[in-house]
Amino acid sequence: MGQPKPLLPLGNRTVIRYCLDTIIAAGLRDVIVVVGPESDEIAAPLSGLPVVIVKNESSESEMIASVRIGLRALEGHASGVLICLTDHPLISADTLAALVRGHQVTPDKIIIPAYRGKRGHPTLFPGSVIEEVFSGGNLRDVIRKDPARVRIIDVGDEGVVLDMDTREDYEKIVRTFAARKGL
């Protein structure tokens, strides 16, 4: 897309800043941001936020490598970990809070949001599953290992399925964002 996705503009902020402002507004704590080799450029707009920034030195690694780096940066034991992706910037704080409430009700389940029957992001992994992330494979492998431990929560938030992989995806996200804000 000509520049790192986290640095693309969304309203008057960058995508990464918009995502983190939403996470913070949802009341989530112990936020770990994993950045790649372009970390200085991405970290600059995060100044002053209550987040810990860690670096994945390999620009060629799979997402699971970044997830593992982020998990290693956690201090103490977490009852669950919400894996949020920068390329899903329009997820609402209400949706994040709903996933956390779902975790409180079923703390042993992997929680996945769905919009109109389509699974989306972010995924909340219970503490009991976190060690599996380090045993090889990827996050889908962890989820597929035991379908009985997966709980789908239906949400009215299209942001859980709006992914930003192409320029067209990004333009759709910008249009959706503008429509939501009445711009």
C-alpha atoms as a PDB file:
ATOM      1  CA  MET A   1       0.000   0.000   0.000  1.00  0.00           C
ATOM      2  CA  GLY A   2       3.015   2.249  -0.232  1.00  0.00           C
ATOM      3  CA  GLN A   3       3.477   2.569   3.515  1.00  0.00           C
ATOM      4  CA  PRO A   4       2.959   0.392   6.591  1.00  0.00           C
ATOM      5  CA  LYS A   5      -0.746  -0.274   7.218  1.00  0.00           C
ATOM      6  CA  PRO A   6      -0.594   0.959  10.828  1.00  0.00           C
ATOM      7  CA  LEU A   7       0.463   4.404   9.572  1.00  0.00           C
ATOM      8  CA  LEU A   8      -2.336   4.870   7.058  1.00  0.00           C
ATOM      9  CA  PRO A   9      -4.653   7.755   7.950  1.00  0.00           C
ATOM     10  CA  LEU A  10      -8.090   7.098   9.422  1.00  0.00           C
ATOM     11  CA  GLY A  11      -9.849  10.345  10.189  1.00  0.00           C
ATOM     12  CA  ASN A  12      -7.390  12.605  11.955  1.00  0.00           C
ATOM     13  CA  ARG A  13      -5.317   9.714  13.357  1.00  0.00           C
ATOM     14  CA  THR A  14      -3.274   6.818  12.080  1.00  0.00           C
ATOM     15  CA  VAL A  15      -4.864   3.374  11.901  1.00  0.00           C
ATOM     16  CA  ILE A  16      -2.715   2.146  14.812  1.00  0.00           C
ATOM     17  CA  ARG A  17      -3.646   5.119  16.971  1.00  0.00           C
ATOM     18  CA  TYR A  18      -7.339   4.653  16.174  1.00  0.00           C
ATOM     19  CA  CYS A  19      -7.116   0.950  17.111  1.00  0.00           C
ATOM     20  CA  LEU A  20      -5.348   1.673  20.383  1.00  0.00           C
ATOM     21  CA  ASP A  21      -7.693   4.500  21.333  1.00  0.00           C
ATOM     22  CA  THR A  22     -10.570   2.023  20.899  1.00  0.00           C
ATOM     23  CA  ILE A  23      -8.819  -0.653  22.979  1.00  0.00           C
ATOM     24  CA  ILE A  24      -8.159   1.849  25.753  1.00  0.00           C
ATOM     25  CA  ALA A  25     -11.745   3.170  25.578  1.00  0.00           C
ATOM     26  CA  ALA A  26     -12.951  -0.415  26.104  1.00  0.00           C
ATOM     27  CA  GLY A  27     -11.083  -0.449  29.422  1.00  0.00           C
ATOM     28  CA  LEU A  28      -8.532  -3.076  28.451  1.00  0.00           C
ATOM     29  CA  ARG A  29      -5.312  -3.121  30.454  1.00  0.00           C
ATOM     30  CA  ASP A  30      -1.810  -4.433  29.877  1.00  0.00           C
ATOM     31  CA  VAL A  31      -1.800  -3.518  26.200  1.00  0.00           C
ATOM     32  CA  ILE A  32       1.219  -4.842  24.329  1.00  0.00           C
ATOM     33  CA  VAL A  33       1.906  -3.470  20.838  1.00  0.00           C
ATOM     34  CA  VAL A  34       4.151  -5.573  18.624  1.00  0.00           C
ATOM     35  CA  VAL A  35       5.811  -3.600  15.863  1.00  0.00           C
ATOM     36  CA  GLY A  36       8.080  -4.660  13.063  1.00  0.00           C
ATOM     37  CA  PRO A  37      11.389  -3.266  11.853  1.00  0.00           C
ATOM     38  CA  GLU A  38       9.774   0.126  11.117  1.00  0.00           C
ATOM     39  CA  SER A  39       9.047   0.446  14.838  1.00  0.00           C
ATOM     40  CA  ASP A  40      10.274   3.998  15.372  1.00  0.00           C
ATOM     41  CA  GLU A  41       7.900   5.355  12.764  1.00  0.00           C
ATOM     42  CA  ILE A  42       4.952   3.406  14.190  1.00  0.00           C
ATOM     43  CA  ALA A  43       5.772   4.077  17.848  1.00  0.00           C
ATOM     44  CA  ALA A  44       5.859   7.870  17.419  1.00  0.00           C
ATOM     45  CA  PRO A  45       2.059   8.343  17.197  1.00  0.00           C
ATOM     46  CA  LEU A  46       1.662   6.139  20.300  1.00  0.00           C
ATOM     47  CA  SER A  47       3.543   8.498  22.582  1.00  0.00           C
ATOM     48  CA  GLY A  48       1.704   9.014  25.837  1.00  0.00           C
ATOM     49  CA  LEU A  49      -0.542   5.968  25.524  1.00  0.00           C
ATOM     50  CA  PRO A  50      -0.545   3.377  28.323  1.00  0.00           C
ATOM     51  CA  VAL A  51       0.962   0.645  26.156  1.00  0.00           C
ATOM     52  CA  VAL A  52       4.144  -1.409  26.069  1.00  0.00           C
ATOM     53  CA  ILE A  53       5.835  -1.527  22.678  1.00  0.00           C
ATOM     54  CA  VAL A  54       7.915  -4.567  21.742  1.00  0.00           C
ATOM     55  CA  LYS A  55       9.687  -5.250  18.480  1.00  0.00           C
ATOM     56  CA  ASN A  56       9.613  -8.172  16.085  1.00  0.00           C
ATOM     57  CA  GLU A  57      12.949  -7.788  14.294  1.00  0.00           C
ATOM     58  CA  SER A  58      11.933 -10.008  11.369  1.00  0.00           C
ATOM     59  CA  SER A  59       9.864  -8.417   8.629  1.00  0.00           C
ATOM     60  CA  GLU A  60       9.502 -11.857   7.024  1.00  0.00           C
ATOM     61  CA  SER A  61       7.944 -13.682   9.983  1.00  0.00           C
ATOM     62  CA  GLU A  62       4.385 -14.955  10.215  1.00  0.00           C
ATOM     63  CA  MET A  63       1.845 -13.257  12.489  1.00  0.00           C
ATOM     64  CA  ILE A  64       2.249 -16.016  15.077  1.00  0.00           C
ATOM     65  CA  ALA A  65       5.835 -14.863  15.708  1.00  0.00           C
ATOM     66  CA  SER A  66       4.580 -11.404  16.639  1.00  0.00           C
ATOM     67  CA  VAL A  67       1.894 -12.909  18.863  1.00  0.00           C
ATOM     68  CA  ARG A  68       4.538 -14.957  20.693  1.00  0.00           C
ATOM     69  CA  ILE A  69       6.721 -11.876  21.160  1.00  0.00           C
ATOM     70  CA  GLY A  70       3.746  -9.994  22.582  1.00  0.00           C
ATOM     71  CA  LEU A  71       2.825 -12.832  24.935  1.00  0.00           C
ATOM     72  CA  ARG A  72       6.383 -12.997  26.263  1.00  0.00           C
ATOM     73  CA  ALA A  73       6.110  -9.300  27.151  1.00  0.00           C
ATOM     74  CA  LEU A  74       3.117  -9.868  29.436  1.00  0.00           C
ATOM     75  CA  GLU A  75       3.874  -9.535  33.093  1.00  0.00           C
ATOM     76  CA  GLY A  76       2.201 -11.994  35.425  1.00  0.00           C
ATOM     77  CA  HIS A  77      -0.634 -14.338  34.546  1.00  0.00           C
ATOM     78  CA  ALA A  78      -3.542 -13.189  32.414  1.00  0.00           C
ATOM     79  CA  SER A  79      -6.946 -14.876  32.564  1.00  0.00           C
ATOM     80  CA  GLY A  80      -7.216 -14.187  28.864  1.00  0.00           C
ATOM     81  CA  VAL A  81      -5.505 -12.422  25.980  1.00  0.00           C
ATOM     82  CA  LEU A  82      -7.266 -10.518  23.231  1.00  0.00           C
ATOM     83  CA  ILE A  83      -5.322 -10.644  19.961  1.00  0.00           C
ATOM     84  CA  CYS A  84      -6.207  -7.465  18.068  1.00  0.00           C
ATOM     85  CA  LEU A  85      -5.021  -6.829  14.533  1.00  0.00           C
ATOM     86  CA  THR A  86      -4.234  -3.387  13.172  1.00  0.00           C
ATOM     87  CA  ASP A  87      -5.782  -4.271   9.841  1.00  0.00           C
ATOM     88  CA  HIS A  88      -9.220  -4.501  11.523  1.00  0.00           C
ATOM     89  CA  PRO A  89      -9.409  -0.893  12.733  1.00  0.00           C
ATOM     90  CA  LEU A  90     -13.185  -0.374  12.891  1.00  0.00           C
ATOM     91  CA  ILE A  91     -13.962  -2.743  15.756  1.00  0.00           C
ATOM     92  CA  SER A  92     -15.912  -0.838  18.389  1.00  0.00           C
ATOM     93  CA  ALA A  93     -15.078  -0.503  22.074  1.00  0.00           C
ATOM     94  CA  ASP A  94     -18.508  -2.040  22.787  1.00  0.00           C
ATOM     95  CA  THR A  95     -17.544  -5.159  20.830  1.00  0.00           C
ATOM     96  CA  LEU A  96     -14.261  -5.471  22.718  1.00  0.00           C
ATOM     97  CA  ALA A  97     -16.148  -5.103  26.002  1.00  0.00           C
ATOM     98  CA  ALA A  98     -18.651  -7.776  24.874  1.00  0.00           C
ATOM     99  CA  LEU A  99     -15.795 -10.209  24.200  1.00  0.00           C
ATOM    100  CA  VAL A 100     -14.379  -9.543  27.660  1.00  0.00           C
ATOM    101  CA  ARG A 101     -17.824 -10.103  29.223  1.00  0.00           C
ATOM    102  CA  GLY A 102     -18.065 -13.354  27.276  1.00  0.00           C
ATOM    103  CA  HIS A 103     -14.714 -14.373  28.731  1.00  0.00           C
ATOM    104  CA  GLN A 104     -15.935 -13.581  32.235  1.00  0.00           C
ATOM    105  CA  VAL A 105     -18.934 -15.877  31.728  1.00  0.00           C
ATOM    106  CA  THR A 106     -16.968 -18.694  30.044  1.00  0.00           C
ATOM    107  CA  PRO A 107     -13.328 -18.183  31.072  1.00  0.00           C
ATOM    108  CA  ASP A 108     -12.176 -21.478  29.548  1.00  0.00           C
ATOM    109  CA  LYS A 109     -13.441 -20.718  26.033  1.00  0.00           C
ATOM    110  CA  ILE A 110     -11.758 -19.161  23.023  1.00  0.00           C
ATOM    111  CA  ILE A 111     -14.065 -16.261  22.168  1.00  0.00           C
ATOM    112  CA  ILE A 112     -14.552 -15.247  18.520  1.00  0.00           C
ATOM    113  CA  PRO A 113     -16.904 -12.508  17.332  1.00  0.00           C
ATOM    114  CA  ALA A 114     -19.163 -13.058  14.322  1.00  0.00           C
ATOM    115  CA  TYR A 115     -21.029 -10.557  12.192  1.00  0.00           C
ATOM    116  CA  ARG A 116     -23.999 -11.924  10.234  1.00  0.00           C
ATOM    117  CA  GLY A 117     -22.657 -15.451  10.627  1.00  0.00           C
ATOM    118  CA  LYS A 118     -19.120 -14.638   9.498  1.00  0.00           C
ATOM    119  CA  ARG A 119     -16.324 -15.100  12.015  1.00  0.00           C
ATOM    120  CA  GLY A 120     -14.057 -12.132  12.529  1.00  0.00           C
ATOM    121  CA  HIS A 121     -11.463 -10.549  14.794  1.00  0.00           C
ATOM    122  CA  PRO A 122     -10.247 -10.065  17.443  1.00  0.00           C
ATOM    123  CA  THR A 123     -10.040 -13.442  19.149  1.00  0.00           C
ATOM    124  CA  LEU A 124      -9.827 -13.796  22.904  1.00  0.00           C
ATOM    125  CA  PHE A 125      -7.726 -16.725  24.099  1.00  0.00           C
ATOM    126  CA  PRO A 126      -8.138 -17.947  27.686  1.00  0.00           C
ATOM    127  CA  GLY A 127      -5.057 -18.196  29.886  1.00  0.00           C
ATOM    128  CA  SER A 128      -5.352 -21.983  29.835  1.00  0.00           C
ATOM    129  CA  VAL A 129      -4.725 -21.987  26.077  1.00  0.00           C
ATOM    130  CA  ILE A 130      -1.881 -19.461  25.893  1.00  0.00           C
ATOM    131  CA  GLU A 131       0.906 -22.050  26.228  1.00  0.00           C
ATOM    132  CA  GLU A 132      -0.404 -23.813  23.103  1.00  0.00           C
ATOM    133  CA  VAL A 133       0.509 -20.723  21.078  1.00  0.00           C
ATOM    134  CA  PHE A 134       4.163 -21.556  21.743  1.00  0.00           C
ATOM    135  CA  SER A 135       3.928 -25.202  20.674  1.00  0.00           C
ATOM    136  CA  GLY A 136       4.086 -24.684  16.924  1.00  0.00           C
ATOM    137  CA  GLY A 137       1.502 -24.030  14.290  1.00  0.00           C
ATOM    138  CA  ASN A 138      -0.536 -20.865  14.144  1.00  0.00           C
ATOM    139  CA  LEU A 139      -3.560 -19.386  15.893  1.00  0.00           C
ATOM    140  CA  ARG A 140      -5.980 -21.208  13.586  1.00  0.00           C
ATOM    141  CA  ASP A 141      -4.376 -24.492  14.640  1.00  0.00           C
ATOM    142  CA  VAL A 142      -4.957 -23.627  18.295  1.00  0.00           C
ATOM    143  CA  ILE A 143      -8.587 -22.747  17.560  1.00  0.00           C
ATOM    144  CA  ARG A 144      -9.211 -25.891  15.471  1.00  0.00           C
ATOM    145  CA  LYS A 145      -7.581 -28.222  17.996  1.00  0.00           C
ATOM    146  CA  ASP A 146     -10.780 -28.517  20.024  1.00  0.00           C
ATOM    147  CA  PRO A 147     -13.924 -26.921  18.547  1.00  0.00           C
ATOM    148  CA  ALA A 148     -15.797 -27.599  21.805  1.00  0.00           C
ATOM    149  CA  ARG A 149     -13.744 -24.944  23.561  1.00  0.00           C
ATOM    150  CA  VAL A 150     -14.665 -22.232  21.031  1.00  0.00           C
ATOM    151  CA  ARG A 151     -17.513 -19.831  21.726  1.00  0.00           C
ATOM    152  CA  ILE A 152     -18.864 -17.601  18.980  1.00  0.00           C
ATOM    153  CA  ILE A 153     -20.418 -14.309  20.058  1.00  0.00           C
ATOM    154  CA  ASP A 154     -22.704 -12.650  17.530  1.00  0.00           C
ATOM    155  CA  VAL A 155     -22.125  -8.904  17.328  1.00  0.00           C
ATOM    156  CA  GLY A 156     -23.733  -6.159  15.286  1.00  0.00           C
ATOM    157  CA  ASP A 157     -20.311  -4.714  14.504  1.00  0.00           C
ATOM    158  CA  GLU A 158     -19.243  -5.022  10.875  1.00  0.00           C
ATOM    159  CA  GLY A 159     -15.767  -3.914  11.966  1.00  0.00           C
ATOM    160  CA  VAL A 160     -14.965  -7.474  13.080  1.00  0.00           C
ATOM    161  CA  VAL A 161     -14.998  -8.638   9.447  1.00  0.00           C
ATOM    162  CA  LEU A 162     -13.653  -5.529   7.697  1.00  0.00           C
ATOM    163  CA  ASP A 163     -10.066  -6.470   6.920  1.00  0.00           C
ATOM    164  CA  MET A 164      -7.498  -4.166   5.338  1.00  0.00           C
ATOM    165  CA  ASP A 165      -5.421  -6.346   3.016  1.00  0.00           C
ATOM    166  CA  THR A 166      -5.651  -4.351  -0.209  1.00  0.00           C
ATOM    167  CA  ARG A 167      -5.935  -0.709  -1.250  1.00  0.00           C
ATOM    168  CA  GLU A 168      -9.609  -1.376  -2.052  1.00  0.00           C
ATOM    169  CA  ASP A 169     -10.155  -2.800   1.460  1.00  0.00           C
ATOM    170  CA  TYR A 170      -8.561   0.288   2.963  1.00  0.00           C
ATOM    171  CA  GLU A 171     -10.703   2.609   0.843  1.00  0.00           C
ATOM    172  CA  LYS A 172     -13.838   0.730   1.990  1.00  0.00           C
ATOM    173  CA  ILE A 173     -12.744   1.118   5.619  1.00  0.00           C
ATOM    174  CA  VAL A 174     -12.204   4.857   5.095  1.00  0.00           C
ATOM    175  CA  ARG A 175     -15.676   5.186   3.510  1.00  0.00           C
ATOM    176  CA  THR A 176     -17.293   3.163   6.318  1.00  0.00           C
ATOM    177  CA  PHE A 177     -15.458   5.238   8.924  1.00  0.00           C
ATOM    178  CA  ALA A 178     -16.622   8.494   7.265  1.00  0.00           C
ATOM    179  CA  ALA A 179     -20.224   7.234   7.087  1.00  0.00           C
ATOM    180  CA  ARG A 180     -20.182   6.289  10.790  1.00  0.00           C
ATOM    181  CA  LYS A 181     -18.829   9.717  11.708  1.00  0.00           C
ATOM    182  CA  GLY A 182     -21.199  11.544   9.380  1.00  0.00           C
ATOM    183  CA  LEU A 183     -18.344  12.987   7.326  1.00  0.00           C
END
